[in-house]
N, C-alpha and C. Protein backbone atom coordinates (compact mmCIF):
# COMPACT_ATOMS: atom_id res chain seq x y z
N SER A 1 214.67 200.70 120.14
CA SER A 1 216.53 201.47 119.98
C SER A 1 216.60 200.30 119.11
N THR A 2 217.45 200.69 118.39
CA THR A 2 218.28 199.70 117.26
C THR A 2 219.76 199.33 118.07
N PRO A 3 219.89 198.25 117.79
CA PRO A 3 221.11 197.41 118.39
C PRO A 3 222.32 198.59 118.48
N ALA A 4 222.32 199.22 117.35
CA ALA A 4 223.88 200.40 117.44
C ALA A 4 223.84 201.24 118.79
N GLU A 5 222.18 201.70 118.61
CA GLU A 5 221.99 202.73 120.24
C GLU A 5 221.91 201.86 121.45
N LEU A 6 221.90 200.57 121.84
CA LEU A 6 221.97 200.05 123.21
C LEU A 6 223.15 200.09 123.43
N SER A 7 223.22 200.47 124.79
CA SER A 7 224.74 200.83 125.44
C SER A 7 225.38 198.99 125.63
N ARG A 8 226.76 199.40 125.79
CA ARG A 8 227.25 197.84 126.05
C ARG A 8 226.48 196.77 127.06
N SER A 9 226.12 197.15 128.35
CA SER A 9 225.41 196.03 128.75
C SER A 9 224.14 195.88 128.43
N GLN A 10 223.65 196.38 127.85
CA GLN A 10 222.39 195.89 127.15
C GLN A 10 222.63 194.96 126.28
N ARG A 11 223.36 195.11 124.94
CA ARG A 11 224.14 194.73 124.02
C ARG A 11 224.20 192.99 124.77
N LEU A 12 225.10 193.21 126.01
CA LEU A 12 225.41 192.13 126.20
C LEU A 12 224.18 191.10 126.96
N GLN A 13 223.79 191.76 127.66
CA GLN A 13 222.28 191.26 128.20
C GLN A 13 221.07 190.86 126.84
N SER A 14 221.05 191.33 125.98
CA SER A 14 220.04 190.75 124.62
C SER A 14 220.54 189.62 124.38
N PRO A 15 219.61 188.87 123.90
CA PRO A 15 219.97 187.39 123.01
C PRO A 15 220.85 187.87 121.45
N ALA A 16 221.58 186.64 121.46
CA ALA A 16 222.74 186.91 120.49
C ALA A 16 221.55 187.16 118.58
N SER A 17 220.54 186.70 119.00
CA SER A 17 220.26 186.76 117.78
C SER A 17 219.36 188.45 117.70
N GLN A 18 219.72 188.92 118.21
CA GLN A 18 218.98 190.73 118.41
C GLN A 18 220.18 191.28 118.01
N ARG A 19 221.71 190.98 118.37
CA ARG A 19 222.58 191.79 117.93
C ARG A 19 222.80 191.73 116.53
N ARG A 20 223.42 192.98 115.89
CA ARG A 20 224.08 193.31 114.61
C ARG A 20 225.06 192.75 115.29
N PRO A 21 225.82 191.90 113.90
CA PRO A 21 227.32 190.80 113.43
C PRO A 21 228.08 192.27 114.01
N SER A 22 229.16 191.97 114.24
CA SER A 22 230.16 192.72 114.00
C SER A 22 230.90 192.92 112.74
N SER A 23 231.78 193.93 112.48
CA SER A 23 232.33 194.21 110.90
C SER A 23 233.30 193.36 110.91
N THR A 24 234.20 192.84 112.06
CA THR A 24 235.24 192.15 112.39
C THR A 24 234.45 190.52 111.63
N SER A 25 233.42 190.31 111.94
CA SER A 25 232.95 188.30 112.16
C SER A 25 232.51 188.41 110.45
N GLN A 26 232.28 189.70 109.59
CA GLN A 26 232.00 189.82 108.33
C GLN A 26 233.16 189.60 107.54
N ARG A 27 234.17 190.35 107.46
CA ARG A 27 235.27 190.00 107.15
C ARG A 27 236.33 188.54 107.33
N PRO A 28 237.21 188.57 106.24
CA PRO A 28 237.82 187.00 106.56
C PRO A 28 239.09 187.63 107.38
N GLN A 29 239.40 186.92 108.44
CA GLN A 29 240.88 186.90 109.63
C GLN A 29 242.01 187.32 108.36
N GLN A 30 242.89 188.06 108.33
CA GLN A 30 244.73 187.73 107.52
C GLN A 30 245.21 187.48 109.06
N THR A 31 246.23 186.22 108.90
CA THR A 31 246.70 186.08 109.35
C THR A 31 248.73 186.14 108.63
N LEU A 32 249.69 186.81 109.45
CA LEU A 32 251.04 186.97 108.76
C LEU A 32 251.48 185.72 109.36
N ALA A 33 251.73 184.76 108.27
CA ALA A 33 252.77 183.84 108.77
C ALA A 33 254.19 183.84 109.32
N PRO A 34 254.73 183.54 110.34
CA PRO A 34 256.25 183.88 110.79
C PRO A 34 257.28 183.94 109.60
N GLN A 35 257.90 184.92 108.94
CA GLN A 35 259.04 184.55 108.20
C GLN A 35 260.20 183.71 108.51
N PRO A 36 260.53 182.99 107.85
CA PRO A 36 262.09 182.37 108.58
C PRO A 36 262.99 183.15 108.88
N MET A 37 263.97 182.78 109.94
CA MET A 37 265.05 183.59 110.01
C MET A 37 266.43 182.67 109.29
N THR A 38 267.47 183.97 108.94
CA THR A 38 268.68 183.42 108.96
C THR A 38 268.94 183.20 110.78
N PRO A 39 270.17 182.22 110.62
CA PRO A 39 270.94 182.00 111.72
C PRO A 39 271.33 183.57 112.62
N ALA A 40 272.01 184.43 111.84
CA ALA A 40 272.16 185.72 112.00
C ALA A 40 271.12 186.44 112.73
N GLN A 41 269.97 186.09 111.96
CA GLN A 41 268.71 187.05 112.50
C GLN A 41 268.28 186.57 113.85
N ALA A 42 268.43 185.34 113.80
CA ALA A 42 267.84 184.32 115.21
C ALA A 42 268.80 185.00 116.53
N GLU A 43 270.06 185.44 115.79
CA GLU A 43 271.07 185.10 117.47
C GLU A 43 271.09 186.35 117.28
N ALA A 44 270.82 187.48 116.66
CA ALA A 44 270.44 188.67 117.03
C ALA A 44 269.03 189.08 117.80
N ALA A 45 268.14 188.11 117.16
CA ALA A 45 266.43 188.59 118.17
C ALA A 45 267.29 187.43 119.75
N ARG A 46 267.50 186.88 119.66
CA ARG A 46 267.88 186.03 121.14
C ARG A 46 268.48 187.33 121.88
N ASP A 47 269.94 187.86 121.28
CA ASP A 47 270.55 188.89 122.14
C ASP A 47 269.56 189.88 122.81
N GLU A 48 268.40 190.16 121.53
CA GLU A 48 267.71 191.36 121.55
C GLU A 48 266.62 190.68 122.92
N LEU A 49 266.69 189.90 123.08
CA LEU A 49 265.51 189.34 123.94
C LEU A 49 265.87 189.30 125.50
N LEU A 50 267.43 188.73 125.47
CA LEU A 50 267.94 188.87 126.78
C LEU A 50 268.30 190.20 127.17
N ALA A 51 268.87 190.83 126.45
CA ALA A 51 268.84 192.23 126.77
C ALA A 51 267.90 192.98 127.53
N LYS A 52 266.70 192.65 127.04
CA LYS A 52 265.37 193.27 127.50
C LYS A 52 265.17 192.14 128.92
N PHE A 53 265.33 191.35 128.87
CA PHE A 53 265.39 190.84 130.34
C PHE A 53 266.14 191.12 131.19
N ASN A 54 267.17 191.15 130.80
CA ASN A 54 268.33 191.85 132.10
C ASN A 54 268.02 192.78 132.60
N ASP A 55 267.65 193.84 131.30
CA ASP A 55 267.03 195.31 132.21
C ASP A 55 265.75 195.51 132.88
N TRP A 56 264.86 194.40 132.75
CA TRP A 56 263.98 194.17 133.51
C TRP A 56 264.19 193.45 134.57
N GLN A 57 264.82 192.49 134.82
CA GLN A 57 265.36 192.08 136.07
C GLN A 57 266.49 192.91 136.94
N ARG A 58 267.09 193.61 136.61
CA ARG A 58 268.44 194.11 136.87
C ARG A 58 267.83 194.62 138.19
N PRO A 59 266.75 195.85 138.31
CA PRO A 59 266.78 196.56 139.42
C PRO A 59 265.86 195.67 140.68
N ILE A 60 265.63 194.06 140.00
CA ILE A 60 264.74 193.17 141.17
C ILE A 60 265.68 192.15 141.43
N SER A 61 266.94 192.20 140.76
CA SER A 61 267.84 190.51 140.60
C SER A 61 268.34 190.59 142.14
N TRP A 62 268.40 189.19 142.31
CA TRP A 62 269.47 188.73 143.84
C TRP A 62 270.55 188.88 143.58
N ARG A 63 270.85 189.53 144.54
CA ARG A 63 272.97 189.50 144.23
C ARG A 63 273.26 187.98 144.24
N HIS A 64 274.54 187.86 143.57
CA HIS A 64 274.69 186.55 143.51
C HIS A 64 275.35 186.21 144.89
N LEU A 65 274.72 184.81 145.39
CA LEU A 65 275.17 183.84 146.63
C LEU A 65 276.17 182.70 146.11
N SER A 66 276.99 182.33 147.05
CA SER A 66 277.58 181.51 146.90
C SER A 66 276.76 179.85 147.12
N GLY A 67 277.52 178.75 146.82
CA GLY A 67 276.54 177.64 147.11
C GLY A 67 276.51 176.54 148.08
N VAL A 68 275.89 176.38 147.82
CA VAL A 68 275.52 175.71 149.52
C VAL A 68 275.49 174.12 149.02
N HIS A 69 275.50 173.27 150.10
CA HIS A 69 275.37 171.72 149.94
C HIS A 69 273.57 171.59 150.09
N HIS A 70 273.11 171.91 151.39
CA HIS A 70 271.92 171.44 150.71
C HIS A 70 270.78 172.84 151.53
N VAL A 71 269.67 172.84 151.21
CA VAL A 71 269.13 174.00 151.32
C VAL A 71 268.06 173.05 152.32
N TRP A 72 267.90 173.89 153.62
CA TRP A 72 266.50 173.22 154.83
C TRP A 72 265.65 174.40 155.11
N ALA A 73 264.52 173.80 154.77
CA ALA A 73 263.24 174.55 155.18
C ALA A 73 262.67 174.40 156.50
N VAL A 74 262.10 175.49 157.50
CA VAL A 74 261.42 175.26 158.40
C VAL A 74 260.43 176.02 158.88
N SER A 75 259.45 176.12 159.51
CA SER A 75 258.27 177.19 159.72
C SER A 75 257.94 177.09 161.32
N ASP A 76 257.15 177.72 161.64
CA ASP A 76 256.50 177.85 162.83
C ASP A 76 257.07 177.39 164.00
N LEU A 77 258.48 178.02 164.02
CA LEU A 77 259.30 177.88 165.00
C LEU A 77 258.94 178.14 166.36
N HIS A 78 258.07 179.49 166.63
CA HIS A 78 257.42 179.98 167.63
C HIS A 78 258.48 179.60 168.63
N VAL A 79 259.79 180.69 169.05
CA VAL A 79 260.83 180.90 169.83
C VAL A 79 259.81 181.69 170.88
N ASP A 80 258.86 182.21 171.22
CA ASP A 80 258.22 182.68 171.98
C ASP A 80 258.38 181.57 173.45
N HIS A 81 258.31 180.58 173.05
CA HIS A 81 258.01 179.40 173.91
C HIS A 81 259.88 179.09 174.19
N PRO A 82 260.35 179.16 175.34
CA PRO A 82 262.11 178.99 175.77
C PRO A 82 262.47 178.17 175.09
N GLN A 83 261.85 176.99 175.02
CA GLN A 83 262.08 175.42 174.81
C GLN A 83 262.37 175.40 173.20
N ASN A 84 261.50 176.07 172.55
CA ASN A 84 261.71 176.11 170.98
C ASN A 84 263.07 176.92 170.82
N LEU A 85 263.52 177.98 171.24
CA LEU A 85 264.49 178.85 171.23
C LEU A 85 266.03 177.60 171.68
N GLU A 86 265.66 177.40 172.59
CA GLU A 86 266.54 175.82 172.86
C GLU A 86 266.65 175.15 172.04
N TRP A 87 265.96 174.21 171.24
CA TRP A 87 265.93 173.30 170.68
C TRP A 87 266.90 173.85 169.60
N ILE A 88 266.78 175.13 168.74
CA ILE A 88 267.14 175.49 167.70
C ILE A 88 268.51 175.92 168.19
N ARG A 89 269.22 176.02 169.47
CA ARG A 89 270.49 176.48 169.54
C ARG A 89 271.11 175.33 169.79
N ALA A 90 270.38 174.06 169.73
CA ALA A 90 270.95 172.76 169.67
C ALA A 90 271.45 172.64 168.57
N TRP A 91 270.77 172.90 167.66
CA TRP A 91 271.36 172.46 166.20
C TRP A 91 272.23 172.62 165.73
N PRO A 92 272.89 171.51 165.20
CA PRO A 92 274.80 171.67 164.82
C PRO A 92 274.61 173.08 163.87
N GLU A 93 275.85 173.26 163.47
CA GLU A 93 276.37 174.39 162.54
C GLU A 93 276.58 173.69 160.96
N ARG A 94 276.01 174.62 160.34
CA ARG A 94 275.89 173.94 158.87
C ARG A 94 275.86 174.75 157.84
N GLY A 95 277.79 175.19 158.18
CA GLY A 95 278.11 176.54 157.11
C GLY A 95 277.99 176.36 155.84
N GLU A 96 277.84 174.93 155.10
CA GLU A 96 277.67 175.07 154.21
C GLU A 96 276.28 174.76 153.45
N ASP A 97 275.12 174.91 154.07
CA ASP A 97 274.16 174.92 153.93
C ASP A 97 273.46 176.12 154.13
N ALA A 98 271.94 176.32 153.70
CA ALA A 98 271.01 177.46 153.69
C ALA A 98 269.60 176.68 154.10
N ILE A 99 269.44 177.92 154.75
CA ILE A 99 268.12 177.61 155.31
C ILE A 99 266.86 178.52 154.91
N ILE A 100 265.72 178.10 154.90
CA ILE A 100 264.61 179.06 154.29
C ILE A 100 263.58 178.94 155.80
N VAL A 101 263.31 180.17 156.43
CA VAL A 101 262.75 180.05 157.59
C VAL A 101 261.44 180.47 157.18
N ALA A 102 260.31 180.32 156.57
CA ALA A 102 259.24 180.39 156.22
C ALA A 102 257.98 181.15 157.44
N GLY A 103 258.18 181.73 158.33
CA GLY A 103 257.44 182.46 158.81
C GLY A 103 257.04 181.81 160.45
N ASP A 104 256.03 182.99 161.03
CA ASP A 104 255.78 181.96 162.62
C ASP A 104 256.78 181.76 163.30
N VAL A 105 258.32 182.83 163.58
CA VAL A 105 259.23 182.61 164.17
C VAL A 105 258.73 182.93 165.66
N CYS A 106 258.25 183.92 166.02
CA CYS A 106 257.61 184.77 167.02
C CYS A 106 256.83 185.97 167.01
N THR A 107 256.48 186.32 167.80
CA THR A 107 255.94 187.92 167.81
C THR A 107 256.15 189.26 168.38
N LYS A 108 257.67 188.67 168.90
CA LYS A 108 258.43 190.19 169.65
C LYS A 108 259.83 189.88 168.63
N LEU A 109 259.95 191.70 167.96
CA LEU A 109 260.68 191.61 167.04
C LEU A 109 262.36 191.36 167.63
N ASP A 110 262.79 191.75 169.09
CA ASP A 110 263.86 191.04 169.58
C ASP A 110 264.07 190.03 169.47
N ARG A 111 263.04 188.96 169.89
CA ARG A 111 263.29 187.78 169.51
C ARG A 111 263.49 187.43 168.28
N LEU A 112 262.84 187.77 167.32
CA LEU A 112 262.93 187.58 165.83
C LEU A 112 264.63 187.89 165.45
N ARG A 113 265.32 189.05 166.02
CA ARG A 113 266.57 189.37 165.52
C ARG A 113 267.73 188.56 166.33
N GLN A 114 267.36 188.03 167.55
CA GLN A 114 268.13 187.09 168.03
C GLN A 114 267.90 185.61 167.70
N THR A 115 266.63 184.74 167.22
CA THR A 115 266.85 183.71 166.08
C THR A 115 267.72 183.86 165.46
N LEU A 116 267.08 185.18 164.26
CA LEU A 116 267.88 185.21 162.95
C LEU A 116 269.26 185.38 163.14
N SER A 117 269.55 185.88 164.02
CA SER A 117 271.39 186.28 163.94
C SER A 117 271.95 184.88 164.45
N LEU A 118 271.29 183.60 165.50
CA LEU A 118 271.34 182.63 165.65
C LEU A 118 271.64 181.85 164.81
N LEU A 119 270.67 181.97 163.31
CA LEU A 119 270.57 181.10 162.84
C LEU A 119 271.43 181.34 161.51
N ALA A 120 271.55 182.49 161.40
CA ALA A 120 273.08 183.44 160.57
C ALA A 120 274.14 182.86 160.99
N ALA A 121 274.49 182.48 162.37
CA ALA A 121 275.56 181.89 162.76
C ALA A 121 275.72 180.29 162.36
N LYS A 122 274.76 179.99 162.28
CA LYS A 122 274.53 178.21 161.77
C LYS A 122 274.66 177.95 160.66
N PHE A 123 274.38 178.63 159.60
CA PHE A 123 274.09 178.47 158.41
C PHE A 123 274.50 179.57 157.51
N LYS A 124 275.40 179.22 156.14
CA LYS A 124 275.75 180.01 155.05
C LYS A 124 274.75 180.95 154.89
N HIS A 125 273.30 180.92 154.49
CA HIS A 125 272.46 181.73 153.84
C HIS A 125 271.44 181.45 154.49
N VAL A 126 270.45 182.53 155.21
CA VAL A 126 269.30 182.34 155.77
C VAL A 126 268.41 183.15 154.92
N PHE A 127 267.04 182.79 154.53
CA PHE A 127 266.47 183.36 153.80
C PHE A 127 265.09 183.60 154.46
N TYR A 128 264.29 184.56 155.16
CA TYR A 128 262.98 184.53 155.82
C TYR A 128 262.32 185.25 155.20
N CYS A 129 260.80 184.47 155.44
CA CYS A 129 259.56 185.26 155.25
C CYS A 129 258.66 185.43 156.21
N ALA A 130 258.35 186.80 156.37
CA ALA A 130 257.23 187.16 157.72
C ALA A 130 256.24 186.21 157.75
N GLY A 131 255.67 185.10 159.00
CA GLY A 131 254.33 185.11 158.63
C GLY A 131 253.22 185.72 159.43
N ASN A 132 252.44 185.20 159.73
CA ASN A 132 250.90 186.21 160.62
C ASN A 132 251.57 186.22 161.96
N HIS A 133 252.29 185.57 162.69
CA HIS A 133 252.37 185.68 164.36
C HIS A 133 253.51 186.74 163.99
N GLU A 134 254.41 186.88 163.45
CA GLU A 134 255.35 188.36 162.99
C GLU A 134 254.63 189.62 163.00
N LEU A 135 252.95 189.48 162.37
CA LEU A 135 252.51 190.51 162.28
C LEU A 135 251.39 191.16 163.31
N TRP A 136 251.37 190.15 164.60
CA TRP A 136 250.63 190.37 165.42
C TRP A 136 250.97 191.54 166.24
N MET A 137 249.83 192.26 166.73
CA MET A 137 250.21 193.25 167.87
C MET A 137 249.94 193.35 169.18
N SER A 138 250.70 193.87 170.05
CA SER A 138 250.33 193.73 171.68
C SER A 138 250.84 195.34 172.12
N ASP A 139 250.55 195.36 173.01
CA ASP A 139 251.10 196.34 174.02
C ASP A 139 252.55 196.56 173.74
N GLU A 140 252.60 194.91 173.85
CA GLU A 140 254.48 195.28 173.98
C GLU A 140 254.95 195.75 172.66
N THR A 141 254.64 195.20 171.71
CA THR A 141 255.06 196.34 170.42
C THR A 141 255.63 197.44 170.14
N GLY A 142 254.78 198.48 170.90
CA GLY A 142 254.95 199.77 170.84
C GLY A 142 254.84 200.21 169.26
N VAL A 143 254.01 199.66 168.41
CA VAL A 143 253.84 199.98 167.15
C VAL A 143 251.88 200.05 166.53
N HIS A 144 251.76 200.86 165.89
CA HIS A 144 250.29 200.91 165.97
C HIS A 144 249.43 199.93 165.09
N ASP A 145 250.51 199.71 163.99
CA ASP A 145 249.88 198.30 163.12
C ASP A 145 250.90 197.34 162.66
N SER A 146 250.25 196.35 161.98
CA SER A 146 251.28 195.38 161.64
C SER A 146 252.59 195.85 160.47
N PHE A 147 251.79 197.04 159.72
CA PHE A 147 252.72 197.49 158.64
C PHE A 147 253.94 197.99 158.83
N GLU A 148 253.82 198.96 159.93
CA GLU A 148 254.84 199.45 160.57
C GLU A 148 255.55 198.74 161.71
N LYS A 149 254.91 197.42 162.29
CA LYS A 149 255.66 196.45 162.78
C LYS A 149 256.60 195.69 161.48
């Protein structure tokens, strides 16, 4: 068979010396040099790009949050152990700060609600991301899979 009749996988497996050169490799590539813009054109292009970006992010944009003094980050609180929950209860109020809770708070949803409520009372903003412990299943959870939980 001729190179033109070979399948794509056969062409990829055949040595380069047996392949027919592509038509694009025989012609010189034409490149278009960017044309200079006037300041007005540059401003219009910038405004168009910003408008496209705003339209793209609008459905997923965060609500605007008021500023904070500090951002704290914690994970692996494991409040299923009572001493860990008591330790969090002893934390001082940080009304001008935010906290990121990066998973592994507990396995029980009611304890998770309790802990996040406790943190919300102590911090201006609480950001939470589920960890693997939040997705663990047990007979106590009453759900059939981690997605449902």
